[in-house]
Amino acid sequence: MLSTMQVPAEVMQKWQEIVDLLAEILCVPSALIMRVESPNIKVFVSSASKGNPYEPDEVARLDTGLYCETVMSTRQPLNVPNALQDEAWKSNPDIKLGMISYLGVPITWPDGEMFGTICVLDKKSNEFSELYLRLLLLWRDVLQADLRNIATMQREIEQREVKIRRLVEANIIGIIIWNVEGQILDANNEFLRMVGYDRRDLLSGRVNWMDMTPLEWRDRNALAISELKNKGAVKPFEKEYIRKDGNRIPVLIGIADLEGMEGQGVAFVLDLTERKQAETEARESERRFRNMQMELAHANRLATLGQLTASITHEVKQPITATLLNTQTAQRFLTRQPADVQRAKKAIDRAVLNGMRVSEVVDRTHALVSKAPMRKDRLEINEAISGVIGLTRGKVLKNGVQLRTQLAEGLPDVRGSRVQIQQVMLNLIVNAVEAMSQMSDDPRELHISTQAESDCILVIVRDTGPGLSEGAIERAFEAFYTTKSNGLGMGLSICRSIIEDHGGRLWVTTDVPRGAAFQFTVPID
């Protein structure tokens, strides 16, 4: 009810200034604002003027014939020039205080309910002119405007409280009222559900947010309390609570202080269990996806290397044969009389070089066949490309392809997986050679180049094969799409995934006058 509503301190200060000014302007000892507190009336504000017998918070009954009773019952202004000369007012209690003249007007709340009066009283006979009445009515309007603001503010507070209560009772999120000692003073059912306690635990004081906080989160709590003291609120942060059953629950918590309640705050708590489970499932799904990608990429490398068996065999067999010949030559030089040590040493040196060449071919092949986890390191891309060219040399020559390279010097390193970048090059070179092998008499040329762009390295594999139709260009990187009679259609799709995983992109264009140009970028480290 409006009649029980508190008047804010700043309004009380304003009203005090009003009655003090009234007493000074009208030259009277007393100016008052009276308030009804049935069955009594109270001196709500009293002027600080000299000779004022009325003290703030003085209370009198409403059935004693006071001037203010008549004002409130009639809801009209009252002017009593001299009560001693008026039979109706000779028994007025105010006369005992020497107040024989009176001018007062009623004050009402916005809904019409009586608040009280604003009045002036004098110890001598006083006619109180019409001008003084108008002044009193003017100040009464100011007071009633303040009461309207107070009522509006109260309605807004009540509406907010209703909304807050609905939020609390809706149990969409957990809400608690707490103090810095760790006590939870109140909580809604959702919070109690989260932590596994019931209302009896709460009422008994067994629910303590400090005790429910794991040791490793205590420092974060202390930081939050410090931030609350300085800013009045704490941005939402993640933490954990220990449930009544000993298990932990991840939560997102936001905190604000309670205005006027020292050392107390309200916290909004959101259960993150489902989100954490979803994140775990997403990470597991991502892990399975990555494993599947690795398996597919490995299978693709094996399939591609299977097509290069003859080429790799040749790359290994040739230096082994040369090694045997050089070894035999060295033996002959050493069995001569006298032994030709110098020429034998040269033959042995050639055998060592051929042995190292075999080792390089085996190492490169083993790296591509291996299914070890991929690591992204600093990588010199020209060196990685040259290794693949070496593995495919036999297939290139066998198919009558003329290979040209234009690898730019001084390229900055990239960060990536050597095996994966080499797999992309292996696919592109083999595809280009196979595309050109379908041609009869036209020149077969394969051109591989690298160049530095602003923030990446561009690699181009260009052939003079039959090229790709517009439709084939659009679908070239789709999984299971292939123009080969015996192809699976996974190679280019895997290659694009690898390049995109490195932060680059892979695309193809039709070359002029014929052929295709596959291009990809890898960001500079």
Protein backbone atom coordinates (compact mmCIF):
# COMPACT_ATOMS: atom_id res chain seq x y z
CA MET A 1 0.00 0.00 0.00
CA LEU A 2 1.13 3.54 -0.75
CA SER A 3 0.42 4.73 2.81
CA THR A 4 3.22 2.51 4.14
CA MET A 5 5.75 3.49 1.50
CA GLN A 6 9.09 4.96 2.60
CA VAL A 7 10.08 8.45 1.46
CA PRO A 8 13.72 8.45 0.27
CA ALA A 9 16.26 10.44 2.27
CA GLU A 10 17.00 12.83 -0.60
CA VAL A 11 13.29 13.71 -0.83
CA MET A 12 13.12 14.23 2.94
CA GLN A 13 16.02 16.67 2.66
CA LYS A 14 14.17 18.57 -0.08
CA TRP A 15 11.01 18.73 2.03
CA GLN A 16 12.99 20.01 5.00
CA GLU A 17 14.24 22.88 2.87
CA ILE A 18 10.63 23.62 1.81
CA VAL A 19 9.26 23.94 5.37
CA ASP A 20 12.27 25.96 6.49
CA LEU A 21 11.68 28.35 3.59
CA LEU A 22 7.96 28.56 4.34
CA ALA A 23 8.56 29.49 7.96
CA GLU A 24 11.05 32.16 6.87
CA ILE A 25 8.82 33.66 4.15
CA LEU A 26 5.64 33.73 6.29
CA CYS A 27 7.56 34.79 9.43
CA VAL A 28 5.97 32.06 11.55
CA PRO A 29 7.56 29.85 14.21
CA SER A 30 6.29 26.61 12.72
CA ALA A 31 5.92 25.01 9.27
CA LEU A 32 5.06 21.32 9.19
CA ILE A 33 4.45 18.36 6.93
CA MET A 34 2.18 15.90 8.73
CA ARG A 35 1.69 12.25 7.77
CA VAL A 36 -1.18 9.93 8.58
CA GLU A 37 -0.25 6.75 10.41
CA SER A 38 -3.71 5.63 11.45
CA PRO A 39 -5.00 5.89 14.11
CA ASN A 40 -2.41 8.63 14.63
CA ILE A 41 -0.92 11.53 12.78
CA LYS A 42 2.82 12.20 12.95
CA VAL A 43 5.04 15.24 12.58
CA PHE A 44 6.84 14.04 9.46
CA VAL A 45 8.96 17.15 8.72
CA SER A 46 9.26 20.18 11.05
CA SER A 47 10.90 23.50 10.26
CA ALA A 48 14.07 24.40 12.07
CA SER A 49 12.68 27.87 12.82
CA LYS A 50 13.05 29.58 16.21
CA GLY A 51 10.25 28.91 18.68
CA ASN A 52 8.89 25.83 16.88
CA PRO A 53 7.38 23.54 19.56
CA TYR A 54 6.86 20.57 17.23
CA GLU A 55 9.52 17.88 17.16
CA PRO A 56 9.95 15.43 14.24
CA ASP A 57 8.26 12.05 14.77
CA GLU A 58 5.87 13.47 17.41
CA VAL A 59 2.62 11.51 17.32
CA ALA A 60 -0.93 12.53 18.20
CA ARG A 61 -4.25 10.74 17.93
CA LEU A 62 -6.59 11.67 15.12
CA ASP A 63 -9.69 12.05 17.27
CA THR A 64 -8.53 15.01 19.39
CA GLY A 65 -9.75 17.91 17.24
CA LEU A 66 -6.46 18.94 15.61
CA TYR A 67 -6.47 21.46 12.78
CA CYS A 68 -5.09 18.78 10.43
CA GLU A 69 -8.01 16.45 11.11
CA THR A 70 -10.41 18.94 9.57
CA VAL A 71 -8.13 19.52 6.56
CA MET A 72 -7.93 15.79 5.88
CA SER A 73 -11.61 15.06 6.46
CA THR A 74 -12.79 17.92 4.23
CA ARG A 75 -9.84 17.65 1.79
CA GLN A 76 -9.98 21.45 1.65
CA PRO A 77 -7.61 24.22 2.77
CA LEU A 78 -8.20 25.53 6.29
CA ASN A 79 -7.44 29.07 7.50
CA VAL A 80 -7.90 29.84 11.22
CA PRO A 81 -6.81 33.47 11.93
CA ASN A 82 -7.27 33.20 15.72
CA ALA A 83 -8.55 30.09 17.46
CA LEU A 84 -9.04 31.99 20.73
CA GLN A 85 -11.77 34.06 19.08
CA ASP A 86 -13.44 31.07 17.40
CA GLU A 87 -15.75 28.89 19.48
CA ALA A 88 -15.09 25.89 17.14
CA TRP A 89 -11.37 25.85 17.94
CA LYS A 90 -11.14 26.87 21.62
CA SER A 91 -10.54 23.23 22.64
CA ASN A 92 -7.92 22.55 19.93
CA PRO A 93 -4.83 20.83 21.44
CA ASP A 94 -2.53 23.12 19.42
CA ILE A 95 -3.70 26.07 21.56
CA LYS A 96 -1.97 24.49 24.55
CA LEU A 97 1.30 24.94 22.60
CA GLY A 98 0.39 28.56 21.95
CA MET A 99 -0.44 28.01 18.28
CA ILE A 100 -3.61 30.08 17.80
CA SER A 101 -3.53 30.63 14.02
CA TYR A 102 -3.28 28.02 11.31
CA LEU A 103 -3.13 27.66 7.51
CA GLY A 104 -2.99 24.18 6.00
CA VAL A 105 -3.81 22.19 2.85
CA PRO A 106 -4.21 18.43 2.25
CA ILE A 107 -1.58 16.19 0.59
CA THR A 108 -2.68 13.04 -1.24
CA TRP A 109 -1.02 10.06 -2.90
CA PRO A 110 -1.55 9.59 -6.69
CA ASP A 111 -4.39 7.14 -6.02
CA GLY A 112 -6.25 9.72 -3.91
CA GLU A 113 -5.34 8.18 -0.57
CA MET A 114 -4.58 10.77 2.10
CA PHE A 115 -0.90 11.34 2.89
CA GLY A 116 -1.31 14.21 5.38
CA THR A 117 -1.01 17.99 5.34
CA ILE A 118 1.40 20.84 4.82
CA CYS A 119 0.71 23.73 7.16
CA VAL A 120 2.04 26.78 8.98
CA LEU A 121 1.15 27.84 12.56
CA ASP A 122 1.64 31.10 14.44
CA LYS A 123 1.52 32.10 18.10
CA LYS A 124 -0.18 35.36 17.28
CA SER A 125 -3.33 36.24 15.36
CA ASN A 126 -2.60 35.93 11.64
CA GLU A 127 -5.03 36.40 8.77
CA PHE A 128 -2.78 34.47 6.26
CA SER A 129 -3.52 36.24 2.98
CA GLU A 130 -4.65 34.64 -0.28
CA LEU A 131 -1.08 34.99 -1.57
CA TYR A 132 0.19 32.80 1.29
CA LEU A 133 -2.46 30.19 0.52
CA ARG A 134 -1.40 30.12 -3.14
CA LEU A 135 2.22 29.68 -2.03
CA LEU A 136 1.23 26.80 0.25
CA LEU A 137 -0.75 25.14 -2.56
CA LEU A 138 2.23 25.54 -4.87
CA TRP A 139 4.49 23.70 -2.42
CA ARG A 140 1.76 21.09 -1.90
CA ASP A 141 1.88 20.42 -5.68
CA VAL A 142 5.62 19.94 -5.45
CA LEU A 143 5.17 17.41 -2.63
CA GLN A 144 2.49 15.53 -4.54
CA ALA A 145 4.72 15.41 -7.64
CA ASP A 146 7.40 13.82 -5.44
CA LEU A 147 4.82 11.31 -4.18
CA ARG A 148 3.90 10.42 -7.76
CA ASN A 149 7.56 9.75 -8.53
CA ILE A 150 7.88 7.65 -5.38
CA ALA A 151 4.77 5.65 -6.31
CA THR A 152 6.02 5.15 -9.88
CA MET A 153 9.40 4.01 -8.60
CA GLN A 154 7.72 1.66 -6.15
CA ARG A 155 5.58 0.14 -8.92
CA GLU A 156 8.69 -0.38 -11.04
CA ILE A 157 10.46 -2.01 -8.10
CA GLU A 158 7.48 -4.26 -7.51
CA GLN A 159 7.35 -5.18 -11.20
CA ARG A 160 11.07 -5.97 -11.17
CA GLU A 161 10.61 -8.05 -8.06
CA VAL A 162 7.80 -9.97 -9.76
CA LYS A 163 10.02 -10.60 -12.78
CA ILE A 164 12.92 -11.65 -10.60
CA ARG A 165 10.66 -13.91 -8.57
CA ARG A 166 9.37 -15.48 -11.78
CA LEU A 167 12.94 -16.03 -12.92
CA VAL A 168 13.85 -17.58 -9.59
CA GLU A 169 10.78 -19.80 -9.51
CA ALA A 170 11.05 -20.74 -13.19
CA ASN A 171 14.23 -22.66 -12.27
CA ILE A 172 15.78 -22.05 -15.69
CA ILE A 173 19.11 -21.25 -14.05
CA GLY A 174 20.36 -21.59 -10.49
CA ILE A 175 20.09 -18.46 -8.34
CA ILE A 176 21.56 -18.03 -4.87
CA ILE A 177 21.85 -15.28 -2.26
CA TRP A 178 25.14 -15.64 -0.39
CA ASN A 179 27.55 -13.84 1.91
CA VAL A 180 31.32 -13.57 1.91
CA GLU A 181 31.60 -16.01 4.83
CA GLY A 182 30.45 -18.74 2.47
CA GLN A 183 26.87 -19.13 3.67
CA ILE A 184 24.11 -19.60 1.11
CA LEU A 185 21.23 -17.60 2.56
CA ASP A 186 18.68 -18.56 -0.09
CA ALA A 187 18.62 -20.59 -3.30
CA ASN A 188 16.08 -21.71 -5.86
CA ASN A 189 15.28 -25.33 -6.64
CA GLU A 190 17.44 -25.41 -9.78
CA PHE A 191 20.59 -24.61 -7.82
CA LEU A 192 19.72 -27.18 -5.17
CA ARG A 193 19.21 -29.74 -7.94
CA MET A 194 22.62 -28.96 -9.41
CA VAL A 195 24.46 -29.52 -6.16
CA GLY A 196 22.27 -32.36 -4.89
CA TYR A 197 21.01 -30.69 -1.71
CA ASP A 198 17.42 -30.13 -0.61
CA ARG A 199 15.55 -27.31 1.12
CA ARG A 200 16.16 -28.79 4.58
CA ASP A 201 19.92 -28.74 3.96
CA LEU A 202 19.62 -25.08 2.99
CA LEU A 203 17.60 -24.12 6.07
CA SER A 204 19.99 -25.98 8.35
CA GLY A 205 22.95 -24.01 6.98
CA ARG A 206 24.72 -27.09 5.55
CA VAL A 207 24.90 -25.58 2.04
CA ASN A 208 28.09 -23.51 1.95
CA TRP A 209 29.49 -22.28 -1.36
CA MET A 210 33.02 -22.10 0.05
CA ASP A 211 32.93 -25.73 1.17
CA MET A 212 31.48 -26.76 -2.19
CA THR A 213 34.35 -25.11 -4.08
CA PRO A 214 37.29 -27.43 -4.90
CA LEU A 215 40.68 -26.29 -3.60
CA GLU A 216 42.02 -25.50 -7.06
CA TRP A 217 39.16 -23.00 -7.58
CA ARG A 218 39.62 -21.11 -4.27
CA ASP A 219 42.02 -18.56 -5.78
CA ARG A 220 39.53 -17.83 -8.57
CA ASN A 221 36.86 -17.30 -5.92
CA ALA A 222 39.08 -14.83 -4.06
CA LEU A 223 39.69 -12.93 -7.31
CA ALA A 224 35.93 -12.78 -7.94
CA ILE A 225 35.25 -11.39 -4.44
CA SER A 226 37.91 -8.72 -4.96
CA GLU A 227 36.42 -7.76 -8.33
CA LEU A 228 32.95 -7.63 -6.76
CA LYS A 229 34.12 -5.19 -4.08
CA ASN A 230 35.72 -2.90 -6.66
CA LYS A 231 33.13 -3.04 -9.45
CA GLY A 232 29.92 -4.31 -7.88
CA ALA A 233 29.68 -7.20 -10.36
CA VAL A 234 31.78 -10.04 -11.75
CA LYS A 235 31.74 -11.14 -15.37
CA PRO A 236 30.61 -14.77 -15.83
CA PHE A 237 33.38 -17.31 -15.34
CA GLU A 238 33.62 -21.09 -15.27
CA LYS A 239 34.29 -23.08 -12.12
CA GLU A 240 33.20 -26.31 -10.43
CA TYR A 241 31.13 -27.21 -7.40
CA ILE A 242 31.39 -30.36 -5.32
CA ARG A 243 27.97 -31.97 -5.12
CA LYS A 244 26.56 -33.50 -1.95
CA ASP A 245 27.40 -36.98 -3.34
CA GLY A 246 31.06 -35.96 -3.83
CA ASN A 247 30.93 -35.68 -7.61
CA ARG A 248 31.80 -32.44 -9.37
CA ILE A 249 29.60 -30.28 -11.56
CA PRO A 250 30.96 -27.68 -14.02
CA VAL A 251 29.12 -24.36 -13.88
CA LEU A 252 29.15 -20.87 -15.37
CA ILE A 253 28.63 -18.28 -12.65
CA GLY A 254 27.95 -14.54 -12.71
CA ILE A 255 27.94 -12.44 -9.52
CA ALA A 256 26.54 -9.07 -8.44
CA ASP A 257 26.40 -7.42 -5.04
CA LEU A 258 23.14 -6.67 -3.25
CA GLU A 259 22.79 -2.92 -2.89
CA GLY A 260 22.50 -1.91 0.73
CA MET A 261 23.41 -5.40 1.96
CA GLU A 262 27.05 -5.27 3.03
CA GLY A 263 28.95 -8.50 2.31
CA GLN A 264 26.07 -10.15 0.45
CA GLY A 265 25.60 -10.92 -3.22
CA VAL A 266 23.47 -12.74 -5.74
CA ALA A 267 24.89 -15.34 -8.10
CA PHE A 268 23.39 -16.76 -11.28
CA VAL A 269 24.61 -20.31 -11.90
CA LEU A 270 24.30 -22.25 -15.15
CA ASP A 271 24.86 -26.02 -15.29
CA LEU A 272 27.52 -26.74 -17.95
CA THR A 273 27.33 -30.53 -17.72
CA GLU A 274 25.55 -31.01 -21.04
CA ARG A 275 27.78 -28.48 -22.78
CA LYS A 276 30.93 -30.14 -21.45
CA GLN A 277 29.63 -33.53 -22.58
CA ALA A 278 28.88 -32.08 -26.01
CA GLU A 279 32.39 -30.60 -26.18
CA THR A 280 33.88 -33.96 -25.23
CA GLU A 281 31.79 -35.72 -27.85
CA ALA A 282 32.77 -33.09 -30.41
CA ARG A 283 36.46 -33.58 -29.61
CA GLU A 284 36.04 -37.35 -29.85
CA SER A 285 34.19 -36.95 -33.15
CA GLU A 286 36.95 -34.68 -34.41
CA ARG A 287 39.56 -37.24 -33.30
CA ARG A 288 37.73 -40.03 -35.13
CA PHE A 289 37.39 -37.81 -38.19
CA ARG A 290 41.11 -37.00 -38.13
CA ASN A 291 41.93 -40.70 -37.75
CA MET A 292 39.69 -41.53 -40.68
CA GLN A 293 41.35 -38.79 -42.73
CA MET A 294 44.77 -40.17 -41.82
CA GLU A 295 43.70 -43.70 -42.78
CA LEU A 296 42.29 -42.51 -46.10
CA ALA A 297 45.39 -40.44 -46.82
CA HIS A 298 47.60 -43.42 -45.98
CA ALA A 299 45.55 -45.70 -48.21
CA ASN A 300 45.78 -43.13 -50.98
CA ARG A 301 49.56 -42.95 -50.63
CA LEU A 302 49.84 -46.74 -50.75
CA ALA A 303 47.61 -46.88 -53.83
CA THR A 304 49.61 -44.18 -55.57
CA LEU A 305 52.95 -45.70 -54.62
CA GLY A 306 51.62 -49.06 -55.91
CA GLN A 307 51.45 -47.47 -59.34
CA LEU A 308 55.09 -46.43 -58.97
CA THR A 309 56.42 -49.87 -58.03
CA ALA A 310 58.33 -50.27 -61.28
CA SER A 311 59.65 -46.71 -61.07
CA ILE A 312 60.80 -47.10 -57.45
CA THR A 313 62.28 -50.53 -58.21
CA HIS A 314 64.27 -48.95 -61.03
CA GLU A 315 65.39 -46.10 -58.76
CA VAL A 316 66.70 -48.66 -56.24
CA LYS A 317 67.98 -51.29 -58.65
CA GLN A 318 70.04 -48.89 -60.77
CA PRO A 319 72.30 -47.60 -57.96
CA ILE A 320 72.58 -51.12 -56.48
CA THR A 321 73.83 -52.44 -59.83
CA ALA A 322 76.21 -49.50 -60.08
CA THR A 323 77.42 -50.21 -56.55
CA LEU A 324 78.22 -53.84 -57.46
CA LEU A 325 80.07 -52.79 -60.60
CA ASN A 326 82.11 -50.19 -58.74
CA THR A 327 82.91 -52.68 -55.98
CA GLN A 328 84.08 -55.26 -58.52
CA THR A 329 86.15 -52.58 -60.26
CA ALA A 330 87.80 -51.67 -56.97
CA GLN A 331 88.61 -55.33 -56.34
CA ARG A 332 90.34 -55.60 -59.73
CA PHE A 333 92.41 -52.50 -59.08
CA LEU A 334 93.45 -53.82 -55.70
CA THR A 335 94.49 -57.32 -57.02
CA ARG A 336 96.83 -55.87 -59.62
CA GLN A 337 100.54 -56.05 -59.07
CA PRO A 338 101.27 -53.46 -57.97
CA ALA A 339 97.77 -52.53 -56.66
CA ASP A 340 96.21 -49.39 -58.15
CA VAL A 341 94.98 -47.93 -54.85
CA GLN A 342 94.08 -44.50 -56.21
CA ARG A 343 91.70 -45.83 -58.89
CA ALA A 344 90.30 -48.41 -56.42
CA LYS A 345 89.51 -45.57 -53.98
CA LYS A 346 87.61 -43.66 -56.67
CA ALA A 347 85.58 -46.77 -57.50
CA ILE A 348 84.75 -47.27 -53.81
CA ASP A 349 83.72 -43.59 -53.50
CA ARG A 350 81.32 -44.08 -56.42
CA ALA A 351 79.93 -47.20 -54.72
CA VAL A 352 79.36 -45.21 -51.50
CA LEU A 353 77.51 -42.47 -53.39
CA ASN A 354 75.28 -45.04 -55.08
CA GLY A 355 74.62 -46.67 -51.69
CA MET A 356 73.56 -43.29 -50.30
CA ARG A 357 71.26 -42.83 -53.26
CA VAL A 358 69.60 -46.18 -52.49
CA SER A 359 69.22 -45.13 -48.87
CA GLU A 360 67.55 -41.85 -49.88
CA VAL A 361 65.06 -43.63 -52.15
CA VAL A 362 64.24 -46.15 -49.42
CA ASP A 363 63.88 -43.41 -46.78
CA ARG A 364 61.57 -41.34 -49.00
CA THR A 365 59.45 -44.34 -49.81
CA HIS A 366 59.32 -45.46 -46.20
CA ALA A 367 58.20 -41.97 -45.09
CA LEU A 368 55.31 -42.03 -47.55
CA VAL A 369 54.32 -45.59 -46.61
CA SER A 370 54.56 -44.91 -42.86
CA LYS A 371 51.36 -44.31 -40.88
CA ALA A 372 53.02 -42.35 -38.08
CA PRO A 373 51.16 -39.27 -36.70
CA MET A 374 51.69 -36.23 -38.90
CA ARG A 375 53.85 -33.42 -37.54
CA LYS A 376 53.92 -29.89 -38.87
CA ASP A 377 57.45 -28.52 -38.81
CA ARG A 378 59.42 -25.86 -40.65
CA LEU A 379 59.69 -27.15 -44.18
CA GLU A 380 61.72 -26.20 -47.23
CA ILE A 381 59.13 -26.85 -49.90
CA ASN A 382 61.52 -27.09 -52.87
CA GLU A 383 63.45 -29.87 -51.15
CA ALA A 384 60.23 -31.78 -50.40
CA ILE A 385 59.09 -31.44 -54.03
CA SER A 386 62.47 -32.58 -55.35
CA GLY A 387 62.17 -35.76 -53.26
CA VAL A 388 58.85 -36.64 -54.96
CA ILE A 389 60.26 -35.88 -58.39
CA GLY A 390 62.99 -38.40 -57.67
CA LEU A 391 60.46 -41.11 -56.79
CA THR A 392 58.41 -40.50 -59.94
CA ARG A 393 61.31 -40.13 -62.35
CA GLY A 394 60.97 -43.69 -63.65
CA LYS A 395 57.24 -43.33 -64.38
CA VAL A 396 57.81 -39.98 -66.05
CA LEU A 397 60.50 -41.39 -68.37
CA LYS A 398 58.55 -44.61 -69.05
CA ASN A 399 55.59 -42.57 -70.35
CA GLY A 400 57.72 -40.34 -72.55
CA VAL A 401 57.07 -37.21 -70.49
CA GLN A 402 59.52 -34.36 -70.58
CA LEU A 403 59.82 -32.87 -67.07
CA ARG A 404 60.84 -29.26 -66.50
CA THR A 405 61.17 -27.58 -63.12
CA GLN A 406 61.32 -23.91 -62.21
CA LEU A 407 61.77 -23.90 -58.45
CA ALA A 408 62.35 -20.35 -57.23
CA GLU A 409 65.49 -19.87 -55.15
CA GLY A 410 65.58 -18.43 -51.67
CA LEU A 411 61.99 -19.28 -50.79
CA PRO A 412 61.00 -18.79 -47.15
CA ASP A 413 60.10 -21.90 -45.17
CA VAL A 414 56.52 -23.03 -44.69
CA ARG A 415 55.09 -24.90 -41.70
CA GLY A 416 53.60 -28.23 -42.58
CA SER A 417 53.84 -31.98 -42.75
CA ARG A 418 56.50 -33.10 -45.20
CA VAL A 419 54.72 -36.40 -45.85
CA GLN A 420 51.37 -34.71 -46.52
CA ILE A 421 52.82 -32.04 -48.83
CA GLN A 422 54.74 -34.78 -50.68
CA GLN A 423 51.52 -36.82 -50.93
CA VAL A 424 49.81 -33.89 -52.67
CA MET A 425 52.70 -33.53 -55.10
CA LEU A 426 52.78 -37.31 -55.69
CA ASN A 427 49.07 -37.31 -56.59
CA LEU A 428 49.34 -34.31 -58.88
CA ILE A 429 52.42 -35.64 -60.73
CA VAL A 430 50.99 -39.16 -61.18
CA ASN A 431 47.64 -37.75 -62.34
CA ALA A 432 49.35 -35.49 -64.85
CA VAL A 433 51.51 -38.34 -66.24
CA GLU A 434 48.51 -40.68 -66.54
CA ALA A 435 46.45 -37.95 -68.25
CA MET A 436 49.20 -37.39 -70.84
CA SER A 437 49.73 -41.13 -71.36
CA GLN A 438 46.28 -41.26 -72.99
CA MET A 439 47.55 -39.01 -75.82
CA SER A 440 49.11 -40.48 -78.96
CA ASP A 441 51.54 -38.22 -80.80
CA ASP A 442 51.22 -34.86 -79.03
CA PRO A 443 54.19 -33.67 -76.97
CA ARG A 444 54.03 -34.68 -73.33
CA GLU A 445 55.39 -31.99 -71.07
CA LEU A 446 55.18 -31.63 -67.29
CA HIS A 447 56.15 -28.32 -65.77
CA ILE A 448 56.55 -27.90 -62.00
CA SER A 449 57.19 -24.44 -60.54
CA THR A 450 57.24 -22.64 -57.21
CA GLN A 451 57.11 -18.95 -56.44
CA ALA A 452 56.70 -16.67 -53.44
CA GLU A 453 53.47 -14.71 -53.02
CA SER A 454 52.81 -12.02 -50.40
CA ASP A 455 52.11 -14.44 -47.55
CA CYS A 456 52.39 -17.90 -49.08
CA ILE A 457 54.24 -20.17 -51.50
CA LEU A 458 52.45 -20.99 -54.77
CA VAL A 459 53.10 -24.40 -56.34
CA ILE A 460 51.94 -25.11 -59.93
CA VAL A 461 51.85 -28.51 -61.64
CA ARG A 462 51.08 -27.90 -65.31
CA ASP A 463 50.68 -30.62 -67.99
CA THR A 464 49.91 -30.77 -71.72
CA GLY A 465 47.28 -33.49 -71.39
CA PRO A 466 43.68 -33.41 -72.62
CA GLY A 467 42.65 -31.00 -69.85
CA LEU A 468 39.33 -30.92 -68.01
CA SER A 469 35.87 -29.92 -69.15
CA GLU A 470 34.06 -27.12 -67.31
CA GLY A 471 31.88 -29.66 -65.52
CA ALA A 472 34.90 -31.77 -64.57
CA ILE A 473 36.70 -28.70 -63.15
CA GLU A 474 33.73 -27.97 -60.88
CA ARG A 475 33.62 -31.55 -59.58
CA ALA A 476 37.32 -32.43 -59.67
CA PHE A 477 37.73 -32.29 -55.88
CA GLU A 478 34.49 -34.04 -54.96
CA ALA A 479 34.89 -37.31 -53.07
CA PHE A 480 34.37 -40.39 -55.29
CA TYR A 481 34.32 -38.34 -58.48
CA THR A 482 36.85 -39.61 -61.05
CA THR A 483 37.48 -39.54 -64.79
CA LYS A 484 39.61 -42.71 -64.59
CA SER A 485 38.13 -46.10 -65.40
CA ASN A 486 39.84 -47.68 -62.38
CA GLY A 487 40.00 -44.68 -60.02
CA LEU A 488 38.33 -44.31 -56.61
CA GLY A 489 37.94 -40.55 -56.83
CA MET A 490 39.51 -39.92 -53.42
CA GLY A 491 42.98 -38.62 -54.34
CA LEU A 492 42.14 -34.99 -55.17
CA SER A 493 39.55 -34.79 -52.40
CA ILE A 494 42.20 -35.88 -49.88
CA CYS A 495 44.72 -33.47 -51.40
CA ARG A 496 42.34 -30.54 -50.97
CA SER A 497 41.68 -31.54 -47.34
CA ILE A 498 45.44 -31.66 -46.70
CA ILE A 499 46.09 -28.24 -48.22
CA GLU A 500 43.13 -26.62 -46.44
CA ASP A 501 44.33 -28.18 -43.17
CA HIS A 502 47.62 -26.36 -43.80
CA GLY A 503 45.76 -23.06 -44.22
CA GLY A 504 46.13 -22.96 -48.02
CA ARG A 505 43.90 -23.75 -50.99
CA LEU A 506 44.02 -26.08 -54.00
CA TRP A 507 42.36 -25.42 -57.36
CA VAL A 508 42.62 -26.31 -61.05
CA THR A 509 42.34 -24.32 -64.27
CA THR A 510 42.35 -25.29 -67.93
CA ASP A 511 45.70 -24.45 -69.48
CA VAL A 512 46.31 -22.85 -72.89
CA PRO A 513 46.49 -24.19 -75.55
CA ARG A 514 45.81 -27.53 -73.85
CA GLY A 515 46.27 -29.37 -70.60
CA ALA A 516 45.49 -28.49 -66.98
CA ALA A 517 47.24 -26.52 -64.25
CA PHE A 518 46.78 -27.67 -60.65
CA GLN A 519 47.84 -25.00 -58.19
CA PHE A 520 48.04 -24.87 -54.43
CA THR A 521 49.30 -22.46 -51.79
CA VAL A 522 50.91 -23.07 -48.41
CA PRO A 523 51.22 -20.14 -45.96
CA ILE A 524 54.72 -18.94 -45.11
CA ASP A 525 55.84 -19.87 -41.60
